[in-house]
Amino acid sequence: MTTENIPTLVSISQYITLYVGSAIFIAGVIGSFLNSIIFLGLRTFRENSCVFYLIFMSFVNIGNLMAGLLSRIMISGFKLDWTLISPVYCKLRWYGLQFGVLTSFTCTCLAAIDQYMCTNARLEWRQWSTTNVAHRLILIMTITWLLHGVPYLIYFNLVQAPITGGISCTSDNLAFQQYHTYGYLIILAGVIPLIITCIFGLLARNNVHQLAHRTVPLVQRSLDKQLTNMVLHQILFNFIFTFPYTFHTILTSFPYDIKDPDILAKLDFVNVITILFYYLSFAGPFYIYTCTSERFRQQIIYVLLNVHLKRWQRPIIQINQVAPTSHENP
């Protein structure tokens, strides 16, 4: 690729971020709201600990799309980078983004672990799959990731590059910048969630295959199969969506001295594509569940039409057309 083609590649990246990113953002927000409506609309779901993690994840995913993807759309499409205008927004954006990303992936991990517990043949393991335990774990997780983000409020700032003179929202502490790259982006938001979800997802799948040989109520067995199937497919697609960005981050994290503008432009283009793929993990759960679970599709129709639509329909008032009987004498 010649140097003259670099502006073209940059323009393509901007158009992809603007149009594809906007489609992902809109579909993701709508899907997350629908997830919450469906899960909260059925008592079977409301009383299930695994679904509680998925409900919490749905609300957090909306925040991820707002704080992360929407900012990128504004930068590429409207040249409005709020992180370069306000150091406060720079700090708060990364604080909220790390909280949302880690919370969303932790909820997926907890959902996979919960499905392994509730489908386990041993009673002592199944006793850990309760809504009370889920509430406590969500509280512990929330406090943990809120505290984890405090260094972002301290060290992230508007930093001027010594060579180019450009300003960017990044860490002004070298040690924390290294942790941000290796500890947060690669380990906490990449490798660890993939390992945990894959292990417990496969274990839950093995447990489900053994449900036919155990005395389990039919309704509970059907629910366990449905949720395990939904969580397994989400794990699979999360791997597909997050692995390219994690791999790209690992490759670009090694020290290198690349001055060729062609190579730098290609790396930036790959970074844009992998980041958009990454946000699909926050935008896609509803559509993954819909495509992979026939029962979930039926539940969508039931909740939207039989529950919420009827609730909003006004009752039809019948007007009495019978003429009043006169009691006057002729």
Protein backbone atom coordinates (compact mmCIF):
# COMPACT_ATOMS: atom_id res chain seq x y z
CA MET A 1 0.00 0.00 0.00
CA THR A 2 1.40 3.39 -0.97
CA THR A 3 1.45 6.46 1.24
CA GLU A 4 -1.21 8.08 -0.94
CA ASN A 5 -3.67 5.33 0.04
CA ILE A 6 -3.34 5.97 3.77
CA PRO A 7 -6.01 8.72 3.84
CA THR A 8 -8.35 6.34 2.02
CA LEU A 9 -7.83 3.63 4.64
CA VAL A 10 -8.40 6.16 7.41
CA SER A 11 -11.64 7.29 5.75
CA ILE A 12 -12.80 3.69 5.40
CA SER A 13 -12.13 3.14 9.10
CA GLN A 14 -14.15 6.22 9.99
CA TYR A 15 -17.10 5.19 7.80
CA ILE A 16 -17.06 1.66 9.21
CA THR A 17 -17.03 3.00 12.76
CA LEU A 18 -19.82 5.47 12.02
CA TYR A 19 -22.25 3.21 10.15
CA VAL A 20 -21.43 -0.29 11.40
CA GLY A 21 -20.81 1.03 14.90
CA SER A 22 -24.15 2.89 14.89
CA ALA A 23 -25.96 -0.27 13.78
CA ILE A 24 -24.29 -2.28 16.56
CA PHE A 25 -25.10 0.44 19.09
CA ILE A 26 -28.80 0.71 18.19
CA ALA A 27 -29.31 -3.06 17.92
CA GLY A 28 -27.41 -3.63 21.16
CA VAL A 29 -29.42 -1.13 23.22
CA ILE A 30 -32.72 -2.46 21.86
CA GLY A 31 -31.64 -6.06 22.43
CA SER A 32 -30.53 -5.42 26.00
CA PHE A 33 -33.85 -3.73 26.82
CA LEU A 34 -35.76 -6.64 25.29
CA ASN A 35 -33.66 -9.10 27.27
CA SER A 36 -34.60 -7.32 30.48
CA ILE A 37 -38.28 -7.20 29.53
CA ILE A 38 -38.44 -10.91 28.68
CA PHE A 39 -36.50 -12.07 31.72
CA LEU A 40 -38.47 -9.86 34.11
CA GLY A 41 -41.78 -10.67 32.45
CA LEU A 42 -41.80 -14.36 33.39
CA ARG A 43 -41.85 -15.60 36.96
CA THR A 44 -39.84 -18.67 35.94
CA PHE A 45 -36.98 -16.41 34.91
CA ARG A 46 -37.30 -13.94 37.79
CA GLU A 47 -36.82 -16.72 40.36
CA ASN A 48 -33.76 -18.22 38.64
CA SER A 49 -30.26 -17.27 39.80
CA CYS A 50 -28.64 -17.74 36.38
CA VAL A 51 -31.18 -15.38 34.79
CA PHE A 52 -30.49 -12.83 37.52
CA TYR A 53 -26.89 -12.63 36.29
CA LEU A 54 -28.11 -12.23 32.72
CA ILE A 55 -30.54 -9.44 33.71
CA PHE A 56 -27.80 -7.55 35.53
CA MET A 57 -25.50 -8.08 32.55
CA SER A 58 -28.13 -6.68 30.16
CA PHE A 59 -28.32 -3.38 32.03
CA VAL A 60 -24.53 -3.15 32.29
CA ASN A 61 -24.16 -3.84 28.56
CA ILE A 62 -26.24 -0.76 27.80
CA GLY A 63 -23.74 1.26 29.84
CA ASN A 64 -20.84 -0.34 27.95
CA LEU A 65 -22.34 0.64 24.62
CA MET A 66 -23.02 4.17 25.88
CA ALA A 67 -19.61 4.76 27.43
CA GLY A 68 -17.50 2.93 24.89
CA LEU A 69 -19.03 2.49 21.46
CA LEU A 70 -21.01 5.75 21.39
CA SER A 71 -17.83 7.71 22.15
CA ARG A 72 -16.05 6.07 19.21
CA ILE A 73 -18.97 6.85 16.92
CA MET A 74 -18.89 10.51 17.97
CA ILE A 75 -15.14 10.67 17.38
CA SER A 76 -15.19 9.06 13.92
CA GLY A 77 -18.46 10.44 12.61
CA PHE A 78 -18.65 13.89 14.17
CA LYS A 79 -15.03 14.61 15.16
CA LEU A 80 -16.18 15.15 18.72
CA ASP A 81 -13.79 13.60 21.23
CA TRP A 82 -15.07 14.44 24.69
CA THR A 83 -12.07 12.76 26.32
CA LEU A 84 -9.80 15.47 24.86
CA ILE A 85 -12.06 18.29 26.00
CA SER A 86 -12.44 17.42 29.66
CA PRO A 87 -9.92 15.57 31.84
CA VAL A 88 -12.82 14.73 34.17
CA TYR A 89 -14.65 12.93 31.37
CA CYS A 90 -11.40 11.22 30.42
CA LYS A 91 -11.14 9.75 33.91
CA LEU A 92 -14.83 8.93 34.31
CA ARG A 93 -15.08 7.26 30.89
CA TRP A 94 -12.30 4.80 31.62
CA TYR A 95 -13.54 4.29 35.17
CA GLY A 96 -17.02 3.43 33.94
CA LEU A 97 -15.77 1.43 30.97
CA GLN A 98 -13.51 -0.86 32.97
CA PHE A 99 -16.31 -1.38 35.50
CA GLY A 100 -18.84 -2.23 32.80
CA VAL A 101 -16.58 -4.53 30.80
CA LEU A 102 -15.38 -6.50 33.82
CA THR A 103 -18.89 -6.67 35.29
CA SER A 104 -20.39 -7.95 32.04
CA PHE A 105 -17.77 -10.67 31.62
CA THR A 106 -18.00 -11.60 35.30
CA CYS A 107 -21.77 -12.03 34.96
CA THR A 108 -21.19 -14.40 32.04
CA CYS A 109 -18.70 -16.36 34.15
CA LEU A 110 -21.13 -16.50 37.08
CA ALA A 111 -23.96 -17.61 34.78
CA ALA A 112 -21.82 -20.46 33.44
CA ILE A 113 -20.75 -21.48 36.96
CA ASP A 114 -24.36 -21.28 38.18
CA GLN A 115 -25.54 -23.58 35.40
CA TYR A 116 -22.84 -26.06 36.35
CA MET A 117 -23.98 -25.89 39.98
CA CYS A 118 -27.73 -26.20 39.37
CA THR A 119 -27.32 -29.16 36.99
CA ASN A 120 -24.83 -30.98 39.22
CA ALA A 121 -25.80 -34.38 40.55
CA ARG A 122 -24.53 -33.54 44.05
CA LEU A 123 -27.03 -31.78 46.29
CA GLU A 124 -24.39 -29.74 48.15
CA TRP A 125 -23.33 -28.14 44.86
CA ARG A 126 -26.92 -27.42 43.76
CA GLN A 127 -27.53 -25.56 47.01
CA TRP A 128 -25.15 -22.84 45.82
CA SER A 129 -27.46 -22.07 42.88
CA THR A 130 -29.92 -19.73 44.62
CA THR A 131 -31.01 -16.15 44.12
CA ASN A 132 -29.73 -15.24 47.61
CA VAL A 133 -26.22 -16.36 46.67
CA ALA A 134 -26.56 -14.54 43.34
CA HIS A 135 -27.50 -11.27 45.08
CA ARG A 136 -24.48 -11.50 47.38
CA LEU A 137 -22.09 -12.34 44.56
CA ILE A 138 -23.38 -9.43 42.48
CA LEU A 139 -22.85 -7.09 45.45
CA ILE A 140 -19.30 -8.38 46.03
CA MET A 141 -18.51 -8.15 42.32
CA THR A 142 -19.85 -4.59 42.07
CA ILE A 143 -17.80 -3.37 45.03
CA THR A 144 -14.69 -5.15 43.74
CA TRP A 145 -14.75 -3.62 40.26
CA LEU A 146 -15.70 -0.18 41.60
CA LEU A 147 -12.61 -0.27 43.81
CA HIS A 148 -10.54 -1.69 40.97
CA GLY A 149 -11.29 1.42 38.92
CA VAL A 150 -10.07 3.94 41.48
CA PRO A 151 -6.52 4.11 39.95
CA TYR A 152 -8.14 5.17 36.66
CA LEU A 153 -9.49 8.24 38.44
CA ILE A 154 -6.01 8.96 39.73
CA TYR A 155 -3.62 8.16 36.89
CA PHE A 156 -5.64 8.66 33.70
CA ASN A 157 -5.37 12.18 32.32
CA LEU A 158 -4.85 14.21 29.16
CA VAL A 159 -1.24 13.46 28.21
CA GLN A 160 0.74 15.20 25.46
CA ALA A 161 2.95 12.97 23.30
CA PRO A 162 6.59 14.14 23.42
CA ILE A 163 7.24 13.51 19.70
CA THR A 164 4.01 14.32 17.86
CA GLY A 165 2.66 16.77 20.40
CA GLY A 166 -0.79 15.19 20.19
CA ILE A 167 -3.00 14.92 23.26
CA SER A 168 -4.59 11.64 24.28
CA CYS A 169 -6.53 10.26 27.23
CA THR A 170 -4.12 7.78 28.78
CA SER A 171 -2.21 7.03 31.96
CA ASP A 172 0.50 9.44 33.02
CA ASN A 173 2.02 6.68 35.16
CA LEU A 174 4.14 4.16 33.26
CA ALA A 175 3.61 1.31 35.75
CA PHE A 176 -0.16 1.70 35.69
CA GLN A 177 -0.11 1.93 31.89
CA GLN A 178 1.60 -1.44 31.83
CA TYR A 179 -1.06 -2.84 34.17
CA HIS A 180 -3.81 -1.34 32.02
CA THR A 181 -2.46 -3.15 28.95
CA TYR A 182 -1.40 -6.49 30.41
CA GLY A 183 -3.46 -6.77 33.60
CA TYR A 184 -6.77 -5.29 32.50
CA LEU A 185 -7.07 -5.54 28.70
CA ILE A 186 -5.33 -8.89 28.22
CA ILE A 187 -5.79 -10.81 31.49
CA LEU A 188 -8.96 -9.58 33.27
CA ALA A 189 -10.98 -8.60 30.19
CA GLY A 190 -9.59 -11.24 27.85
CA VAL A 191 -7.92 -14.46 28.91
CA ILE A 192 -9.52 -15.16 32.30
CA PRO A 193 -13.20 -14.82 31.21
CA LEU A 194 -12.56 -17.02 28.19
CA ILE A 195 -10.96 -19.76 30.30
CA ILE A 196 -13.61 -19.73 33.06
CA THR A 197 -16.61 -19.66 30.74
CA CYS A 198 -15.23 -22.39 28.49
CA ILE A 199 -14.45 -24.73 31.40
CA PHE A 200 -17.75 -24.34 33.29
CA GLY A 201 -19.79 -24.15 30.09
CA LEU A 202 -18.51 -27.55 28.99
CA LEU A 203 -19.03 -28.98 32.48
CA ALA A 204 -22.63 -27.68 32.52
CA ARG A 205 -23.22 -29.19 29.09
CA ASN A 206 -22.01 -32.56 30.37
CA ASN A 207 -24.35 -32.29 33.38
CA VAL A 208 -27.33 -31.53 31.14
CA HIS A 209 -26.72 -34.69 29.14
CA GLN A 210 -27.02 -36.65 32.40
CA LEU A 211 -30.32 -35.05 33.47
CA ALA A 212 -32.30 -37.78 31.68
CA HIS A 213 -30.85 -40.35 34.10
CA ARG A 214 -31.87 -38.39 37.20
CA THR A 215 -35.19 -37.66 38.87
CA VAL A 216 -35.70 -34.00 37.96
CA PRO A 217 -39.08 -32.25 37.52
CA LEU A 218 -39.90 -31.82 33.84
CA VAL A 219 -40.27 -28.03 34.07
CA GLN A 220 -36.93 -27.65 35.84
CA ARG A 221 -35.23 -29.97 33.37
CA SER A 222 -36.55 -27.98 30.40
CA LEU A 223 -35.44 -24.70 31.99
CA ASP A 224 -31.96 -26.05 32.76
CA LYS A 225 -31.55 -27.27 29.20
CA GLN A 226 -32.74 -23.96 27.77
CA LEU A 227 -30.49 -21.77 29.95
CA THR A 228 -27.47 -24.01 29.46
CA ASN A 229 -27.98 -23.89 25.71
CA MET A 230 -28.31 -20.09 25.76
CA VAL A 231 -25.28 -19.55 27.99
CA LEU A 232 -23.15 -21.99 25.95
CA HIS A 233 -23.91 -20.18 22.72
CA GLN A 234 -23.17 -16.83 24.35
CA ILE A 235 -19.82 -18.20 25.51
CA LEU A 236 -19.05 -19.40 21.99
CA PHE A 237 -19.88 -16.07 20.38
CA ASN A 238 -18.09 -14.13 23.13
CA PHE A 239 -14.97 -16.09 22.23
CA ILE A 240 -15.44 -15.25 18.54
CA PHE A 241 -16.08 -11.57 19.28
CA THR A 242 -13.37 -10.92 21.89
CA PHE A 243 -10.49 -13.13 20.77
CA PRO A 244 -9.42 -10.97 17.76
CA TYR A 245 -9.09 -7.82 19.89
CA THR A 246 -7.33 -9.67 22.70
CA PHE A 247 -4.90 -11.26 20.23
CA HIS A 248 -4.30 -7.91 18.51
CA THR A 249 -3.66 -6.26 21.89
CA ILE A 250 -1.15 -8.96 22.81
CA LEU A 251 0.71 -8.54 19.51
CA THR A 252 0.86 -4.75 19.69
CA SER A 253 1.83 -4.75 23.38
CA PHE A 254 5.32 -6.01 22.64
CA PRO A 255 7.96 -3.28 22.25
CA TYR A 256 8.43 -2.36 18.63
CA ASP A 257 9.72 0.60 16.68
CA ILE A 258 7.57 0.88 13.58
CA LYS A 259 7.92 4.13 11.68
CA ASP A 260 6.46 3.00 8.37
CA PRO A 261 3.16 4.93 7.98
CA ASP A 262 1.72 2.13 5.82
CA ILE A 263 2.13 -0.46 8.56
CA LEU A 264 0.83 1.93 11.22
CA ALA A 265 -2.25 2.66 9.10
CA LYS A 266 -2.93 -1.05 8.66
CA LEU A 267 -2.55 -1.67 12.39
CA ASP A 268 -5.00 1.13 13.15
CA PHE A 269 -7.47 -0.31 10.64
CA VAL A 270 -7.23 -3.78 12.22
CA ASN A 271 -7.67 -2.18 15.64
CA VAL A 272 -10.92 -0.52 14.50
CA ILE A 273 -12.34 -3.78 13.14
CA THR A 274 -11.40 -5.84 16.21
CA ILE A 275 -12.85 -3.23 18.59
CA LEU A 276 -16.19 -3.29 16.75
CA PHE A 277 -16.14 -7.09 16.99
CA TYR A 278 -15.40 -6.71 20.69
CA TYR A 279 -18.53 -4.60 21.24
CA LEU A 280 -20.65 -7.29 19.61
CA SER A 281 -20.18 -9.29 22.82
CA PHE A 282 -22.18 -6.56 24.61
CA ALA A 283 -24.70 -6.00 21.82
CA GLY A 284 -25.42 -9.59 20.78
CA PRO A 285 -26.82 -11.64 23.72
CA PHE A 286 -30.50 -11.08 22.88
CA TYR A 287 -30.00 -12.04 19.24
CA ILE A 288 -27.87 -15.05 20.22
CA TYR A 289 -30.61 -16.31 22.55
CA THR A 290 -33.28 -15.68 19.89
CA CYS A 291 -31.42 -17.55 17.15
CA THR A 292 -30.37 -20.54 19.26
CA SER A 293 -33.42 -21.17 21.48
CA GLU A 294 -36.86 -21.92 20.02
CA ARG A 295 -38.40 -21.75 23.49
CA PHE A 296 -36.94 -18.27 24.03
CA ARG A 297 -38.56 -17.12 20.77
CA GLN A 298 -41.91 -18.39 22.03
CA GLN A 299 -41.36 -16.61 25.35
CA ILE A 300 -40.64 -13.35 23.50
CA ILE A 301 -43.98 -13.57 21.69
CA TYR A 302 -45.82 -14.48 24.88
CA VAL A 303 -44.34 -11.68 27.01
CA LEU A 304 -44.63 -8.94 24.39
CA LEU A 305 -48.10 -9.85 23.11
CA ASN A 306 -49.88 -11.64 25.95
CA VAL A 307 -48.40 -9.75 28.88
CA HIS A 308 -47.35 -6.23 27.93
CA LEU A 309 -49.61 -5.55 24.94
CA LYS A 310 -52.75 -6.53 26.82
CA ARG A 311 -51.61 -4.44 29.76
CA TRP A 312 -51.47 -1.34 27.56
CA GLN A 313 -54.72 -1.98 25.76
CA ARG A 314 -57.56 0.16 27.01
CA PRO A 315 -60.65 -1.72 28.17
CA ILE A 316 -63.56 -1.36 25.78
CA ILE A 317 -66.49 0.22 27.55
CA GLN A 318 -69.82 -1.15 26.33
CA ILE A 319 -72.43 1.59 25.94
CA ASN A 320 -75.92 0.63 27.01
CA GLN A 321 -78.08 1.01 23.91
CA VAL A 322 -81.36 0.01 25.62
CA ALA A 323 -83.84 2.87 25.81
CA PRO A 324 -84.87 3.81 29.33
CA THR A 325 -88.30 2.55 30.35
CA SER A 326 -90.75 5.30 31.06
CA HIS A 327 -92.79 4.99 34.23
CA GLU A 328 -95.06 7.94 33.45
CA ASN A 329 -98.79 7.30 32.95
CA PRO A 330 -100.24 8.06 29.53
